[in-house]
PDB file of N, CA and C in Angstrom:
ATOM      1  N   MET A   1      15.930  -3.314  -8.256  1.00  0.00           N
ATOM      2  CA  MET A   1      14.496  -3.452  -8.440  1.00  0.00           C
ATOM      3  C   MET A   1      13.851  -2.068  -8.350  1.00  0.00           C
ATOM      4  N   GLU A   2      13.079  -1.741  -9.338  1.00  0.00           N
ATOM      5  CA  GLU A   2      12.432  -0.438  -9.391  1.00  0.00           C
ATOM      6  C   GLU A   2      11.091  -0.486  -8.664  1.00  0.00           C
ATOM      7  N   LYS A   3      10.844   0.543  -7.846  1.00  0.00           N
ATOM      8  CA  LYS A   3       9.575   0.619  -7.132  1.00  0.00           C
ATOM      9  C   LYS A   3       8.516   1.244  -8.021  1.00  0.00           C
ATOM     10  N   ASN A   4       7.289   0.798  -7.851  1.00  0.00           N
ATOM     11  CA  ASN A   4       6.159   1.426  -8.527  1.00  0.00           C
ATOM     12  C   ASN A   4       5.460   2.350  -7.548  1.00  0.00           C
ATOM     13  N   PHE A   5       5.087   3.508  -8.030  1.00  0.00           N
ATOM     14  CA  PHE A   5       4.456   4.511  -7.188  1.00  0.00           C
ATOM     15  C   PHE A   5       3.105   4.906  -7.749  1.00  0.00           C
ATOM     16  N   LEU A   6       2.232   5.344  -6.845  1.00  0.00           N
ATOM     17  CA  LEU A   6       0.921   5.866  -7.212  1.00  0.00           C
ATOM     18  C   LEU A   6       0.834   7.326  -6.789  1.00  0.00           C
ATOM     19  N   SER A   7       0.031   8.067  -7.496  1.00  0.00           N
ATOM     20  CA  SER A   7      -0.275   9.436  -7.076  1.00  0.00           C
ATOM     21  C   SER A   7      -1.483   9.373  -6.137  1.00  0.00           C
ATOM     22  N   PRO A   8      -1.742  10.437  -5.386  1.00  0.00           N
ATOM     23  CA  PRO A   8      -2.955  10.460  -4.556  1.00  0.00           C
ATOM     24  C   PRO A   8      -4.231  10.229  -5.374  1.00  0.00           C
ATOM     25  N   ILE A   9      -4.280  10.742  -6.590  1.00  0.00           N
ATOM     26  CA  ILE A   9      -5.459  10.539  -7.447  1.00  0.00           C
ATOM     27  C   ILE A   9      -5.607   9.063  -7.790  1.00  0.00           C
ATOM     28  N   ASP A  10      -4.494   8.393  -8.099  1.00  0.00           N
ATOM     29  CA  ASP A  10      -4.540   6.960  -8.389  1.00  0.00           C
ATOM     30  C   ASP A  10      -5.083   6.174  -7.199  1.00  0.00           C
ATOM     31  N   LEU A  11      -4.658   6.566  -5.996  1.00  0.00           N
ATOM     32  CA  LEU A  11      -5.142   5.886  -4.793  1.00  0.00           C
ATOM     33  C   LEU A  11      -6.642   6.092  -4.623  1.00  0.00           C
ATOM     34  N   CYS A  12      -7.124   7.293  -4.876  1.00  0.00           N
ATOM     35  CA  CYS A  12      -8.572   7.563  -4.801  1.00  0.00           C
ATOM     36  C   CYS A  12      -9.337   6.665  -5.758  1.00  0.00           C
ATOM     37  N   GLN A  13      -8.820   6.512  -6.955  1.00  0.00           N
ATOM     38  CA  GLN A  13      -9.497   5.678  -7.949  1.00  0.00           C
ATOM     39  C   GLN A  13      -9.540   4.223  -7.514  1.00  0.00           C
ATOM     40  N   ARG A  14      -8.484   3.755  -6.898  1.00  0.00           N
ATOM     41  CA  ARG A  14      -8.457   2.369  -6.413  1.00  0.00           C
ATOM     42  C   ARG A  14      -9.344   2.178  -5.184  1.00  0.00           C
ATOM     43  N   ALA A  15      -9.382   3.186  -4.318  1.00  0.00           N
ATOM     44  CA  ALA A  15     -10.116   3.062  -3.059  1.00  0.00           C
ATOM     45  C   ALA A  15     -11.620   3.193  -3.250  1.00  0.00           C
ATOM     46  N   GLN A  16     -12.069   3.912  -4.238  1.00  0.00           N
ATOM     47  CA  GLN A  16     -13.494   4.126  -4.504  1.00  0.00           C
ATOM     48  C   GLN A  16     -14.266   4.465  -3.237  1.00  0.00           C
ATOM     49  N   GLY A  17     -14.586   5.719  -3.102  1.00  0.00           N
ATOM     50  CA  GLY A  17     -15.358   6.152  -1.951  1.00  0.00           C
ATOM     51  C   GLY A  17     -14.551   7.002  -0.985  1.00  0.00           C
ATOM     52  N   ILE A  18     -13.284   7.203  -1.255  1.00  0.00           N
ATOM     53  CA  ILE A  18     -12.470   8.064  -0.415  1.00  0.00           C
ATOM     54  C   ILE A  18     -12.087   9.281  -1.260  1.00  0.00           C
ATOM     55  N   SER A  19     -12.233  10.444  -0.690  1.00  0.00           N
ATOM     56  CA  SER A  19     -11.987  11.670  -1.447  1.00  0.00           C
ATOM     57  C   SER A  19     -10.498  11.998  -1.521  1.00  0.00           C
ATOM     58  N   LEU A  20     -10.164  12.815  -2.495  1.00  0.00           N
ATOM     59  CA  LEU A  20      -8.784  13.257  -2.648  1.00  0.00           C
ATOM     60  C   LEU A  20      -8.351  14.074  -1.437  1.00  0.00           C
ATOM     61  N   ILE A  21      -9.244  14.879  -0.913  1.00  0.00           N
ATOM     62  CA  ILE A  21      -8.932  15.674   0.282  1.00  0.00           C
ATOM     63  C   ILE A  21      -8.594  14.752   1.443  1.00  0.00           C
ATOM     64  N   ARG A  22      -9.358  13.675   1.596  1.00  0.00           N
ATOM     65  CA  ARG A  22      -9.086  12.722   2.691  1.00  0.00           C
ATOM     66  C   ARG A  22      -7.741  12.041   2.506  1.00  0.00           C
ATOM     67  N   VAL A  23      -7.399  11.699   1.272  1.00  0.00           N
ATOM     68  CA  VAL A  23      -6.094  11.083   1.018  1.00  0.00           C
ATOM     69  C   VAL A  23      -4.984  12.045   1.442  1.00  0.00           C
ATOM     70  N   TYR A  24      -5.103  13.322   1.082  1.00  0.00           N
ATOM     71  CA  TYR A  24      -4.088  14.297   1.487  1.00  0.00           C
ATOM     72  C   TYR A  24      -4.036  14.447   3.007  1.00  0.00           C
ATOM     73  N   GLN A  25      -5.179  14.419   3.679  1.00  0.00           N
ATOM     74  CA  GLN A  25      -5.186  14.485   5.137  1.00  0.00           C
ATOM     75  C   GLN A  25      -4.411  13.316   5.729  1.00  0.00           C
ATOM     76  N   LEU A  26      -4.631  12.130   5.189  1.00  0.00           N
ATOM     77  CA  LEU A  26      -3.948  10.933   5.672  1.00  0.00           C
ATOM     78  C   LEU A  26      -2.448  10.977   5.370  1.00  0.00           C
ATOM     79  N   LEU A  27      -2.083  11.538   4.225  1.00  0.00           N
ATOM     80  CA  LEU A  27      -0.672  11.699   3.887  1.00  0.00           C
ATOM     81  C   LEU A  27       0.021  12.623   4.875  1.00  0.00           C
ATOM     82  N   TYR A  28      -0.584  13.795   5.114  1.00  0.00           N
ATOM     83  CA  TYR A  28       0.025  14.765   6.025  1.00  0.00           C
ATOM     84  C   TYR A  28       0.063  14.258   7.463  1.00  0.00           C
ATOM     85  N   ALA A  29      -0.905  13.418   7.835  1.00  0.00           N
ATOM     86  CA  ALA A  29      -0.939  12.857   9.188  1.00  0.00           C
ATOM     87  C   ALA A  29       0.013  11.664   9.336  1.00  0.00           C
ATOM     88  N   GLY A  30       0.560  11.192   8.221  1.00  0.00           N
ATOM     89  CA  GLY A  30       1.466  10.052   8.272  1.00  0.00           C
ATOM     90  C   GLY A  30       0.769   8.707   8.306  1.00  0.00           C
ATOM     91  N   ARG A  31      -0.534   8.694   8.078  1.00  0.00           N
ATOM     92  CA  ARG A  31      -1.285   7.430   8.083  1.00  0.00           C
ATOM     93  C   ARG A  31      -1.061   6.636   6.797  1.00  0.00           C
ATOM     94  N   ILE A  32      -0.683   7.334   5.736  1.00  0.00           N
ATOM     95  CA  ILE A  32      -0.262   6.701   4.497  1.00  0.00           C
ATOM     96  C   ILE A  32       1.189   7.122   4.297  1.00  0.00           C
ATOM     97  N   LYS A  33       2.080   6.156   4.249  1.00  0.00           N
ATOM     98  CA  LYS A  33       3.508   6.451   4.094  1.00  0.00           C
ATOM     99  C   LYS A  33       3.793   6.774   2.629  1.00  0.00           C
ATOM    100  N   ALA A  34       4.393   7.924   2.410  1.00  0.00           N
ATOM    101  CA  ALA A  34       4.709   8.360   1.051  1.00  0.00           C
ATOM    102  C   ALA A  34       5.866   9.337   1.111  1.00  0.00           C
ATOM    103  N   GLU A  35       6.347   9.699  -0.045  1.00  0.00           N
ATOM    104  CA  GLU A  35       7.408  10.692  -0.110  1.00  0.00           C
ATOM    105  C   GLU A  35       7.071  11.705  -1.196  1.00  0.00           C
ATOM    106  N   LYS A  36       7.600  12.881  -1.017  1.00  0.00           N
ATOM    107  CA  LYS A  36       7.403  13.919  -2.016  1.00  0.00           C
ATOM    108  C   LYS A  36       8.611  13.944  -2.937  1.00  0.00           C
ATOM    109  N   ARG A  37       8.337  13.909  -4.214  1.00  0.00           N
ATOM    110  CA  ARG A  37       9.386  14.005  -5.229  1.00  0.00           C
ATOM    111  C   ARG A  37       8.997  15.124  -6.178  1.00  0.00           C
ATOM    112  N   ALA A  38       9.874  16.077  -6.305  1.00  0.00           N
ATOM    113  CA  ALA A  38       9.632  17.239  -7.174  1.00  0.00           C
ATOM    114  C   ALA A  38       8.301  17.900  -6.819  1.00  0.00           C
ATOM    115  N   GLY A  39       7.989  17.930  -5.508  1.00  0.00           N
ATOM    116  CA  GLY A  39       6.778  18.591  -5.049  1.00  0.00           C
ATOM    117  C   GLY A  39       5.502  17.795  -5.197  1.00  0.00           C
ATOM    118  N   ARG A  40       5.615  16.532  -5.570  1.00  0.00           N
ATOM    119  CA  ARG A  40       4.426  15.681  -5.750  1.00  0.00           C
ATOM    120  C   ARG A  40       4.520  14.459  -4.849  1.00  0.00           C
ATOM    121  N   TRP A  41       3.392  14.094  -4.266  1.00  0.00           N
ATOM    122  CA  TRP A  41       3.352  12.901  -3.428  1.00  0.00           C
ATOM    123  C   TRP A  41       3.481  11.659  -4.286  1.00  0.00           C
ATOM    124  N   GLN A  42       4.317  10.741  -3.842  1.00  0.00           N
ATOM    125  CA  GLN A  42       4.503   9.442  -4.484  1.00  0.00           C
ATOM    126  C   GLN A  42       4.272   8.370  -3.428  1.00  0.00           C
ATOM    127  N   ILE A  43       3.248   7.565  -3.637  1.00  0.00           N
ATOM    128  CA  ILE A  43       2.879   6.522  -2.684  1.00  0.00           C
ATOM    129  C   ILE A  43       3.368   5.182  -3.239  1.00  0.00           C
ATOM    130  N   PRO A  44       4.253   4.495  -2.511  1.00  0.00           N
ATOM    131  CA  PRO A  44       4.697   3.178  -2.991  1.00  0.00           C
ATOM    132  C   PRO A  44       3.498   2.236  -3.139  1.00  0.00           C
ATOM    133  N   GLU A  45       3.506   1.431  -4.175  1.00  0.00           N
ATOM    134  CA  GLU A  45       2.383   0.538  -4.440  1.00  0.00           C
ATOM    135  C   GLU A  45       2.141  -0.416  -3.268  1.00  0.00           C
ATOM    136  N   THR A  46       3.218  -0.856  -2.623  1.00  0.00           N
ATOM    137  CA  THR A  46       3.051  -1.753  -1.473  1.00  0.00           C
ATOM    138  C   THR A  46       2.321  -1.038  -0.329  1.00  0.00           C
ATOM    139  N   GLU A  47       2.581   0.241  -0.145  1.00  0.00           N
ATOM    140  CA  GLU A  47       1.893   1.020   0.892  1.00  0.00           C
ATOM    141  C   GLU A  47       0.430   1.211   0.531  1.00  0.00           C
ATOM    142  N   ALA A  48       0.155   1.456  -0.739  1.00  0.00           N
ATOM    143  CA  ALA A  48      -1.234   1.602  -1.188  1.00  0.00           C
ATOM    144  C   ALA A  48      -2.007   0.305  -0.945  1.00  0.00           C
ATOM    145  N   GLU A  49      -1.373  -0.821  -1.243  1.00  0.00           N
ATOM    146  CA  GLU A  49      -2.020  -2.118  -1.023  1.00  0.00           C
ATOM    147  C   GLU A  49      -2.284  -2.346   0.462  1.00  0.00           C
ATOM    148  N   ARG A  50      -1.334  -1.975   1.318  1.00  0.00           N
ATOM    149  CA  ARG A  50      -1.521  -2.109   2.770  1.00  0.00           C
ATOM    150  C   ARG A  50      -2.694  -1.262   3.229  1.00  0.00           C
ATOM    151  N   PHE A  51      -2.725  -0.008   2.798  1.00  0.00           N
ATOM    152  CA  PHE A  51      -3.800   0.895   3.181  1.00  0.00           C
ATOM    153  C   PHE A  51      -5.154   0.367   2.724  1.00  0.00           C
ATOM    154  N   LEU A  52      -5.239  -0.081   1.478  1.00  0.00           N
ATOM    155  CA  LEU A  52      -6.504  -0.576   0.938  1.00  0.00           C
ATOM    156  C   LEU A  52      -6.965  -1.839   1.672  1.00  0.00           C
ATOM    157  N   ALA A  53      -6.037  -2.724   2.029  1.00  0.00           N
ATOM    158  CA  ALA A  53      -6.404  -3.945   2.758  1.00  0.00           C
ATOM    159  C   ALA A  53      -6.926  -3.605   4.151  1.00  0.00           C
ATOM    160  N   GLU A  54      -6.264  -2.664   4.841  1.00  0.00           N
ATOM    161  CA  GLU A  54      -6.736  -2.253   6.165  1.00  0.00           C
ATOM    162  C   GLU A  54      -8.100  -1.580   6.076  1.00  0.00           C
ATOM    163  N   ARG A  55      -8.275  -0.759   5.068  1.00  0.00           N
ATOM    164  CA  ARG A  55      -9.556  -0.058   4.880  1.00  0.00           C
ATOM    165  C   ARG A  55     -10.673  -1.068   4.613  1.00  0.00           C
ATOM    166  N   LYS A  56     -10.393  -2.058   3.773  1.00  0.00           N
ATOM    167  CA  LYS A  56     -11.382  -3.085   3.461  1.00  0.00           C
ATOM    168  C   LYS A  56     -11.770  -3.862   4.718  1.00  0.00           C
ATOM    169  N   ALA A  57     -10.779  -4.195   5.545  1.00  0.00           N
ATOM    170  CA  ALA A  57     -11.046  -4.930   6.782  1.00  0.00           C
ATOM    171  C   ALA A  57     -11.913  -4.097   7.724  1.00  0.00           C
ATOM    172  N   ARG A  58     -11.628  -2.789   7.821  1.00  0.00           N
ATOM    173  CA  ARG A  58     -12.444  -1.914   8.673  1.00  0.00           C
ATOM    174  C   ARG A  58     -13.872  -1.825   8.168  1.00  0.00           C
ATOM    175  N   LEU A  59     -14.035  -1.715   6.856  1.00  0.00           N
ATOM    176  CA  LEU A  59     -15.380  -1.631   6.281  1.00  0.00           C
ATOM    177  C   LEU A  59     -16.163  -2.910   6.525  1.00  0.00           C
ATOM    178  N   GLN A  60     -15.501  -4.046   6.382  1.00  0.00           N
ATOM    179  CA  GLN A  60     -16.170  -5.327   6.613  1.00  0.00           C
ATOM    180  C   GLN A  60     -16.527  -5.523   8.068  1.00  0.00           C
ATOM    181  N   ALA A  61     -15.733  -4.949   8.962  1.00  0.00           N
ATOM    182  CA  ALA A  61     -16.002  -5.058  10.390  1.00  0.00           C
ATOM    183  C   ALA A  61     -17.039  -4.046  10.841  1.00  0.00           C
ATOM    184  N   GLY A  62     -17.442  -3.168   9.943  1.00  0.00           N
ATOM    185  CA  GLY A  62     -18.448  -2.176  10.280  1.00  0.00           C
ATOM    186  C   GLY A  62     -17.906  -0.968  11.021  1.00  0.00           C
ATOM    187  N   ALA A  63     -16.613  -0.716  10.875  1.00  0.00           N
ATOM    188  CA  ALA A  63     -15.990   0.399  11.601  1.00  0.00           C
ATOM    189  C   ALA A  63     -16.124   1.722  10.880  1.00  0.00           C
ATOM    190  N   GLY A  64     -16.773   1.771   9.758  1.00  0.00           N
ATOM    191  CA  GLY A  64     -16.930   3.025   9.028  1.00  0.00           C
ATOM    192  C   GLY A  64     -15.922   3.159   7.907  1.00  0.00           C
ATOM    193  N   GLY A  65     -16.159   4.136   7.062  1.00  0.00           N
ATOM    194  CA  GLY A  65     -15.354   4.317   5.854  1.00  0.00           C
ATOM    195  C   GLY A  65     -14.055   5.037   6.067  1.00  0.00           C
ATOM    196  N   ASP A  66     -14.104   6.346   6.114  1.00  0.00           N
ATOM    197  CA  ASP A  66     -12.881   7.147   6.123  1.00  0.00           C
ATOM    198  C   ASP A  66     -12.480   7.582   7.508  1.00  0.00           C
ATOM    199  N   SER A  67     -12.957   6.938   8.534  1.00  0.00           N
ATOM    200  CA  SER A  67     -12.616   7.342   9.899  1.00  0.00           C
ATOM    201  C   SER A  67     -11.314   6.694  10.318  1.00  0.00           C
ATOM    202  N   GLU A  68     -10.310   6.825   9.495  1.00  0.00           N
ATOM    203  CA  GLU A  68      -9.004   6.181   9.676  1.00  0.00           C
ATOM    204  C   GLU A  68      -8.572   6.276  11.100  1.00  0.00           C
TER     205      GLU A  68
END
């Protein structure tokens, strides 16, 4: 089974309201699980979905946007 991956830019487009710089901060901090391939971050689609679901839950709870 082949995994689908997103780039940090793709994640920004899906997240709407989170900056590319913030995505990179979260990647380097390990808050978004990803791997580097040929010098580029590759985020598994399942990880992107997990991150987006957690972010949505925080926003609905009033915990703020990018204060991961």
